[in-house]
PDB file of N, CA and C in Angstrom:
ATOM      1  N   MET A   1       0.790  -1.201   0.000  1.00  0.00           N
ATOM      2  CA  MET A   1       0.000   0.000   0.000  1.00  0.00           C
ATOM      3  C   MET A   1       0.840   1.278   0.000  1.00  0.00           C
ATOM      4  N   PRO A   2       1.944   1.339   0.754  1.00  0.00           N
ATOM      5  CA  PRO A   2       2.736   2.577   0.708  1.00  0.00           C
ATOM      6  C   PRO A   2       3.206   2.897  -0.705  1.00  0.00           C
ATOM      7  N   PHE A   3       3.443   1.862  -1.495  1.00  0.00           N
ATOM      8  CA  PHE A   3       3.887   2.068  -2.868  1.00  0.00           C
ATOM      9  C   PHE A   3       2.818   2.802  -3.673  1.00  0.00           C
ATOM     10  N   LEU A   4       1.546   2.425  -3.500  1.00  0.00           N
ATOM     11  CA  LEU A   4       0.470   3.067  -4.257  1.00  0.00           C
ATOM     12  C   LEU A   4       0.326   4.542  -3.867  1.00  0.00           C
ATOM     13  N   GLY A   5       0.465   4.845  -2.585  1.00  0.00           N
ATOM     14  CA  GLY A   5       0.387   6.234  -2.154  1.00  0.00           C
ATOM     15  C   GLY A   5       1.508   7.064  -2.749  1.00  0.00           C
ATOM     16  N   LYS A   6       2.700   6.495  -2.758  1.00  0.00           N
ATOM     17  CA  LYS A   6       3.853   7.184  -3.328  1.00  0.00           C
ATOM     18  C   LYS A   6       3.666   7.388  -4.836  1.00  0.00           C
ATOM     19  N   LEU A   7       3.143   6.371  -5.502  1.00  0.00           N
ATOM     20  CA  LEU A   7       2.899   6.453  -6.943  1.00  0.00           C
ATOM     21  C   LEU A   7       1.860   7.533  -7.243  1.00  0.00           C
ATOM     22  N   ARG A   8       0.775   7.594  -6.461  1.00  0.00           N
ATOM     23  CA  ARG A   8      -0.251   8.623  -6.677  1.00  0.00           C
ATOM     24  C   ARG A   8       0.324  10.022  -6.517  1.00  0.00           C
ATOM     25  N   ARG A   9       1.153  10.223  -5.506  1.00  0.00           N
ATOM     26  CA  ARG A   9       1.761  11.539  -5.295  1.00  0.00           C
ATOM     27  C   ARG A   9       2.662  11.918  -6.460  1.00  0.00           C
ATOM     28  N   ARG A  10       3.417  10.962  -6.957  1.00  0.00           N
ATOM     29  CA  ARG A  10       4.307  11.251  -8.092  1.00  0.00           C
ATOM     30  C   ARG A  10       3.521  11.575  -9.356  1.00  0.00           C
ATOM     31  N   VAL A  11       2.444  10.832  -9.597  1.00  0.00           N
ATOM     32  CA  VAL A  11       1.611  11.098 -10.776  1.00  0.00           C
ATOM     33  C   VAL A  11       0.972  12.479 -10.655  1.00  0.00           C
ATOM     34  N   ALA A  12       0.496  12.829  -9.467  1.00  0.00           N
ATOM     35  CA  ALA A  12      -0.089  14.158  -9.262  1.00  0.00           C
ATOM     36  C   ALA A  12       0.956  15.239  -9.488  1.00  0.00           C
ATOM     37  N   HIS A  13       2.166  15.008  -9.023  1.00  0.00           N
ATOM     38  CA  HIS A  13       3.247  15.981  -9.206  1.00  0.00           C
ATOM     39  C   HIS A  13       3.570  16.152 -10.692  1.00  0.00           C
ATOM     40  N   VAL A  14       3.587  15.074 -11.435  1.00  0.00           N
ATOM     41  CA  VAL A  14       3.838  15.150 -12.879  1.00  0.00           C
ATOM     42  C   VAL A  14       2.734  15.968 -13.549  1.00  0.00           C
ATOM     43  N   GLY A  15       1.497  15.777 -13.108  1.00  0.00           N
ATOM     44  CA  GLY A  15       0.385  16.553 -13.657  1.00  0.00           C
ATOM     45  C   GLY A  15       0.564  18.044 -13.416  1.00  0.00           C
ATOM     46  N   VAL A  16       0.982  18.400 -12.204  1.00  0.00           N
ATOM     47  CA  VAL A  16       1.223  19.809 -11.879  1.00  0.00           C
ATOM     48  C   VAL A  16       2.337  20.364 -12.771  1.00  0.00           C
ATOM     49  N   LEU A  17       3.406  19.606 -12.923  1.00  0.00           N
ATOM     50  CA  LEU A  17       4.517  20.066 -13.764  1.00  0.00           C
ATOM     51  C   LEU A  17       4.091  20.253 -15.214  1.00  0.00           C
ATOM     52  N   LEU A  18       3.322  19.314 -15.732  1.00  0.00           N
ATOM     53  CA  LEU A  18       2.864  19.439 -17.119  1.00  0.00           C
ATOM     54  C   LEU A  18       1.969  20.659 -17.300  1.00  0.00           C
ATOM     55  N   ARG A  19       1.082  20.922 -16.342  1.00  0.00           N
ATOM     56  CA  ARG A  19       0.236  22.110 -16.450  1.00  0.00           C
ATOM     57  C   ARG A  19       1.084  23.378 -16.428  1.00  0.00           C
ATOM     58  N   ARG A  20       2.129  23.393 -15.628  1.00  0.00           N
ATOM     59  CA  ARG A  20       3.005  24.569 -15.590  1.00  0.00           C
ATOM     60  C   ARG A  20       3.735  24.749 -16.908  1.00  0.00           C
ATOM     61  N   VAL A  21       4.192  23.659 -17.500  1.00  0.00           N
ATOM     62  CA  VAL A  21       4.945  23.730 -18.756  1.00  0.00           C
ATOM     63  C   VAL A  21       4.070  24.281 -19.875  1.00  0.00           C
ATOM     64  N   ILE A  22       2.818  23.819 -19.951  1.00  0.00           N
ATOM     65  CA  ILE A  22       1.956  24.276 -21.038  1.00  0.00           C
ATOM     66  C   ILE A  22       1.209  25.558 -20.688  1.00  0.00           C
ATOM     67  N   GLY A  23       1.368  26.025 -19.458  1.00  0.00           N
ATOM     68  CA  GLY A  23       0.757  27.291 -19.070  1.00  0.00           C
ATOM     69  C   GLY A  23      -0.696  27.187 -18.658  1.00  0.00           C
ATOM     70  N   ALA A  24      -1.167  25.992 -18.337  1.00  0.00           N
ATOM     71  CA  ALA A  24      -2.558  25.820 -17.905  1.00  0.00           C
ATOM     72  C   ALA A  24      -2.700  26.237 -16.447  1.00  0.00           C
ATOM     73  N   PRO A  25      -3.779  26.919 -16.122  1.00  0.00           N
ATOM     74  CA  PRO A  25      -3.978  27.335 -14.734  1.00  0.00           C
ATOM     75  C   PRO A  25      -4.262  26.130 -13.831  1.00  0.00           C
ATOM     76  N   ASP A  26      -3.835  26.205 -12.583  1.00  0.00           N
ATOM     77  CA  ASP A  26      -4.009  25.119 -11.626  1.00  0.00           C
ATOM     78  C   ASP A  26      -4.910  25.606 -10.494  1.00  0.00           C
ATOM     79  N   TYR A  27      -6.169  25.218 -10.544  1.00  0.00           N
ATOM     80  CA  TYR A  27      -7.162  25.686  -9.585  1.00  0.00           C
ATOM     81  C   TYR A  27      -6.837  25.232  -8.165  1.00  0.00           C
ATOM     82  N   ASP A  28      -6.351  24.010  -7.998  1.00  0.00           N
ATOM     83  CA  ASP A  28      -6.025  23.514  -6.653  1.00  0.00           C
ATOM     84  C   ASP A  28      -4.905  24.334  -6.016  1.00  0.00           C
ATOM     85  N   SER A  29      -3.909  24.682  -6.796  1.00  0.00           N
ATOM     86  CA  SER A  29      -2.829  25.535  -6.268  1.00  0.00           C
ATOM     87  C   SER A  29      -3.356  26.915  -5.907  1.00  0.00           C
ATOM     88  N   TYR A  30      -4.259  27.422  -6.726  1.00  0.00           N
ATOM     89  CA  TYR A  30      -4.881  28.714  -6.443  1.00  0.00           C
ATOM     90  C   TYR A  30      -5.641  28.672  -5.117  1.00  0.00           C
ATOM     91  N   LEU A  31      -6.436  27.606  -4.908  1.00  0.00           N
ATOM     92  CA  LEU A  31      -7.184  27.481  -3.655  1.00  0.00           C
ATOM     93  C   LEU A  31      -6.250  27.423  -2.449  1.00  0.00           C
ATOM     94  N   ALA A  32      -5.176  26.659  -2.571  1.00  0.00           N
ATOM     95  CA  ALA A  32      -4.217  26.568  -1.472  1.00  0.00           C
ATOM     96  C   ALA A  32      -3.588  27.939  -1.197  1.00  0.00           C
ATOM     97  N   HIS A  33      -3.276  28.677  -2.237  1.00  0.00           N
ATOM     98  CA  HIS A  33      -2.697  30.012  -2.084  1.00  0.00           C
ATOM     99  C   HIS A  33      -3.670  30.952  -1.372  1.00  0.00           C
ATOM    100  N   VAL A  34      -4.936  30.937  -1.795  1.00  0.00           N
ATOM    101  CA  VAL A  34      -5.931  31.823  -1.187  1.00  0.00           C
ATOM    102  C   VAL A  34      -6.106  31.497   0.288  1.00  0.00           C
ATOM    103  N   GLN A  35      -6.167  30.213   0.618  1.00  0.00           N
ATOM    104  CA  GLN A  35      -6.327  29.817   2.019  1.00  0.00           C
ATOM    105  C   GLN A  35      -5.117  30.215   2.854  1.00  0.00           C
ATOM    106  N   ARG A  36      -3.938  30.091   2.287  1.00  0.00           N
ATOM    107  CA  ARG A  36      -2.703  30.363   3.016  1.00  0.00           C
ATOM    108  C   ARG A  36      -2.422  31.859   3.131  1.00  0.00           C
ATOM    109  N   ARG A  37      -2.577  32.598   2.043  1.00  0.00           N
ATOM    110  CA  ARG A  37      -2.161  34.006   2.000  1.00  0.00           C
ATOM    111  C   ARG A  37      -3.294  35.006   2.214  1.00  0.00           C
ATOM    112  N   HIS A  38      -4.524  34.603   1.932  1.00  0.00           N
ATOM    113  CA  HIS A  38      -5.658  35.528   2.015  1.00  0.00           C
ATOM    114  C   HIS A  38      -6.807  34.889   2.795  1.00  0.00           C
ATOM    115  N   PRO A  39      -6.578  34.534   4.060  1.00  0.00           N
ATOM    116  CA  PRO A  39      -7.651  33.885   4.826  1.00  0.00           C
ATOM    117  C   PRO A  39      -8.861  34.807   4.947  1.00  0.00           C
ATOM    118  N   GLY A  40     -10.027  34.227   4.863  1.00  0.00           N
ATOM    119  CA  GLY A  40     -11.254  35.013   4.948  1.00  0.00           C
ATOM    120  C   GLY A  40     -11.744  35.510   3.600  1.00  0.00           C
ATOM    121  N   THR A  41     -10.930  35.402   2.572  1.00  0.00           N
ATOM    122  CA  THR A  41     -11.330  35.811   1.229  1.00  0.00           C
ATOM    123  C   THR A  41     -12.056  34.662   0.550  1.00  0.00           C
ATOM    124  N   VAL A  42     -13.138  34.977  -0.121  1.00  0.00           N
ATOM    125  CA  VAL A  42     -13.875  33.954  -0.859  1.00  0.00           C
ATOM    126  C   VAL A  42     -13.158  33.719  -2.187  1.00  0.00           C
ATOM    127  N   PRO A  43     -12.709  32.477  -2.452  1.00  0.00           N
ATOM    128  CA  PRO A  43     -12.001  32.221  -3.716  1.00  0.00           C
ATOM    129  C   PRO A  43     -12.953  32.236  -4.904  1.00  0.00           C
ATOM    130  N   LEU A  44     -12.382  32.428  -6.075  1.00  0.00           N
ATOM    131  CA  LEU A  44     -13.160  32.382  -7.308  1.00  0.00           C
ATOM    132  C   LEU A  44     -13.694  30.971  -7.533  1.00  0.00           C
ATOM    133  N   THR A  45     -14.796  30.873  -8.245  1.00  0.00           N
ATOM    134  CA  THR A  45     -15.302  29.565  -8.651  1.00  0.00           C
ATOM    135  C   THR A  45     -14.367  29.020  -9.737  1.00  0.00           C
ATOM    136  N   PRO A  46     -14.417  27.723 -10.000  1.00  0.00           N
ATOM    137  CA  PRO A  46     -13.555  27.185 -11.070  1.00  0.00           C
ATOM    138  C   PRO A  46     -13.766  27.883 -12.422  1.00  0.00           C
ATOM    139  N   ASP A  47     -15.022  28.184 -12.760  1.00  0.00           N
ATOM    140  CA  ASP A  47     -15.290  28.863 -14.035  1.00  0.00           C
ATOM    141  C   ASP A  47     -14.728  30.281 -14.044  1.00  0.00           C
ATOM    142  N   ALA A  48     -14.931  31.002 -12.955  1.00  0.00           N
ATOM    143  CA  ALA A  48     -14.412  32.371 -12.872  1.00  0.00           C
ATOM    144  C   ALA A  48     -12.884  32.365 -12.884  1.00  0.00           C
ATOM    145  N   PHE A  49     -12.282  31.370 -12.231  1.00  0.00           N
ATOM    146  CA  PHE A  49     -10.832  31.246 -12.230  1.00  0.00           C
ATOM    147  C   PHE A  49     -10.309  31.020 -13.645  1.00  0.00           C
ATOM    148  N   ALA A  50     -10.963  30.143 -14.403  1.00  0.00           N
ATOM    149  CA  ALA A  50     -10.527  29.869 -15.779  1.00  0.00           C
ATOM    150  C   ALA A  50     -10.672  31.110 -16.652  1.00  0.00           C
ATOM    151  N   ARG A  51     -11.799  31.838 -16.514  1.00  0.00           N
ATOM    152  CA  ARG A  51     -11.982  33.069 -17.299  1.00  0.00           C
ATOM    153  C   ARG A  51     -10.914  34.102 -16.949  1.00  0.00           C
ATOM    154  N   ASP A  52     -10.618  34.236 -15.655  1.00  0.00           N
ATOM    155  CA  ASP A  52      -9.605  35.186 -15.218  1.00  0.00           C
ATOM    156  C   ASP A  52      -8.228  34.812 -15.759  1.00  0.00           C
ATOM    157  N   ALA A  53      -7.907  33.528 -15.730  1.00  0.00           N
ATOM    158  CA  ALA A  53      -6.609  33.075 -16.236  1.00  0.00           C
ATOM    159  C   ALA A  53      -6.478  33.362 -17.732  1.00  0.00           C
ATOM    160  N   LEU A  54      -7.544  33.113 -18.481  1.00  0.00           N
ATOM    161  CA  LEU A  54      -7.510  33.403 -19.918  1.00  0.00           C
ATOM    162  C   LEU A  54      -7.391  34.904 -20.177  1.00  0.00           C
ATOM    163  N   ALA A  55      -8.117  35.693 -19.401  1.00  0.00           N
ATOM    164  CA  ALA A  55      -8.053  37.149 -19.574  1.00  0.00           C
ATOM    165  C   ALA A  55      -6.651  37.661 -19.267  1.00  0.00           C
ATOM    166  N   ARG A  56      -6.036  37.153 -18.188  1.00  0.00           N
ATOM    167  CA  ARG A  56      -4.678  37.596 -17.859  1.00  0.00           C
ATOM    168  C   ARG A  56      -3.694  37.203 -18.944  1.00  0.00           C
ATOM    169  N   ARG A  57      -3.951  36.086 -19.583  1.00  0.00           N
ATOM    170  CA  ARG A  57      -3.006  35.606 -20.594  1.00  0.00           C
ATOM    171  C   ARG A  57      -3.155  36.330 -21.928  1.00  0.00           C
ATOM    172  N   TYR A  58      -4.389  36.628 -22.349  1.00  0.00           N
ATOM    173  CA  TYR A  58      -4.620  37.112 -23.714  1.00  0.00           C
ATOM    174  C   TYR A  58      -5.096  38.548 -23.836  1.00  0.00           C
ATOM    175  N   ASP A  59      -5.539  39.166 -22.769  1.00  0.00           N
ATOM    176  CA  ASP A  59      -6.121  40.508 -22.888  1.00  0.00           C
ATOM    177  C   ASP A  59      -5.132  41.638 -22.632  1.00  0.00           C
ATOM    178  N   ARG A  60      -3.873  41.368 -22.631  1.00  0.00           N
ATOM    179  CA  ARG A  60      -2.867  42.426 -22.418  1.00  0.00           C
ATOM    180  C   ARG A  60      -2.332  42.907 -23.764  1.00  0.00           C
ATOM    181  N   PRO A  61      -2.542  44.160 -24.081  1.00  0.00           N
ATOM    182  CA  PRO A  61      -1.988  44.666 -25.339  1.00  0.00           C
ATOM    183  C   PRO A  61      -0.453  44.573 -25.305  1.00  0.00           C
ATOM    184  N   GLY A  62       0.098  44.148 -26.400  1.00  0.00           N
ATOM    185  CA  GLY A  62       1.543  44.069 -26.494  1.00  0.00           C
ATOM    186  C   GLY A  62       2.152  42.832 -25.866  1.00  0.00           C
ATOM    187  N   SER A  63       1.311  41.912 -25.417  1.00  0.00           N
ATOM    188  CA  SER A  63       1.852  40.719 -24.753  1.00  0.00           C
ATOM    189  C   SER A  63       2.157  39.599 -25.737  1.00  0.00           C
ATOM    190  N   ARG A  64       1.821  39.788 -26.982  1.00  0.00           N
ATOM    191  CA  ARG A  64       2.127  38.768 -27.989  1.00  0.00           C
ATOM    192  C   ARG A  64       2.569  39.435 -29.284  1.00  0.00           C
ATOM    193  N   CYS A  65       3.121  38.663 -30.154  1.00  0.00           N
ATOM    194  CA  CYS A  65       3.744  39.250 -31.342  1.00  0.00           C
ATOM    195  C   CYS A  65       2.752  39.545 -32.467  1.00  0.00           C
ATOM    196  N   CYS A  66       1.606  38.901 -32.487  1.00  0.00           N
ATOM    197  CA  CYS A  66       0.700  39.052 -33.641  1.00  0.00           C
ATOM    198  C   CYS A  66      -0.601  39.724 -33.288  1.00  0.00           C
TER     199      CYS A  66
END
């Protein structure tokens, strides 16, 4: 059983790394950050978080070449 727990943690870690590499937002990390750094603040819903992440990525003038 300890092997399965270790394997699950490693697979989850690989998932986090892959999301970082491709630039996908990580809602679980966001929730942990809000709880740790901004206690008492209501976090965004998953949908609002995704919209915000897309807006931050694409709605900045001059942030891309084309």
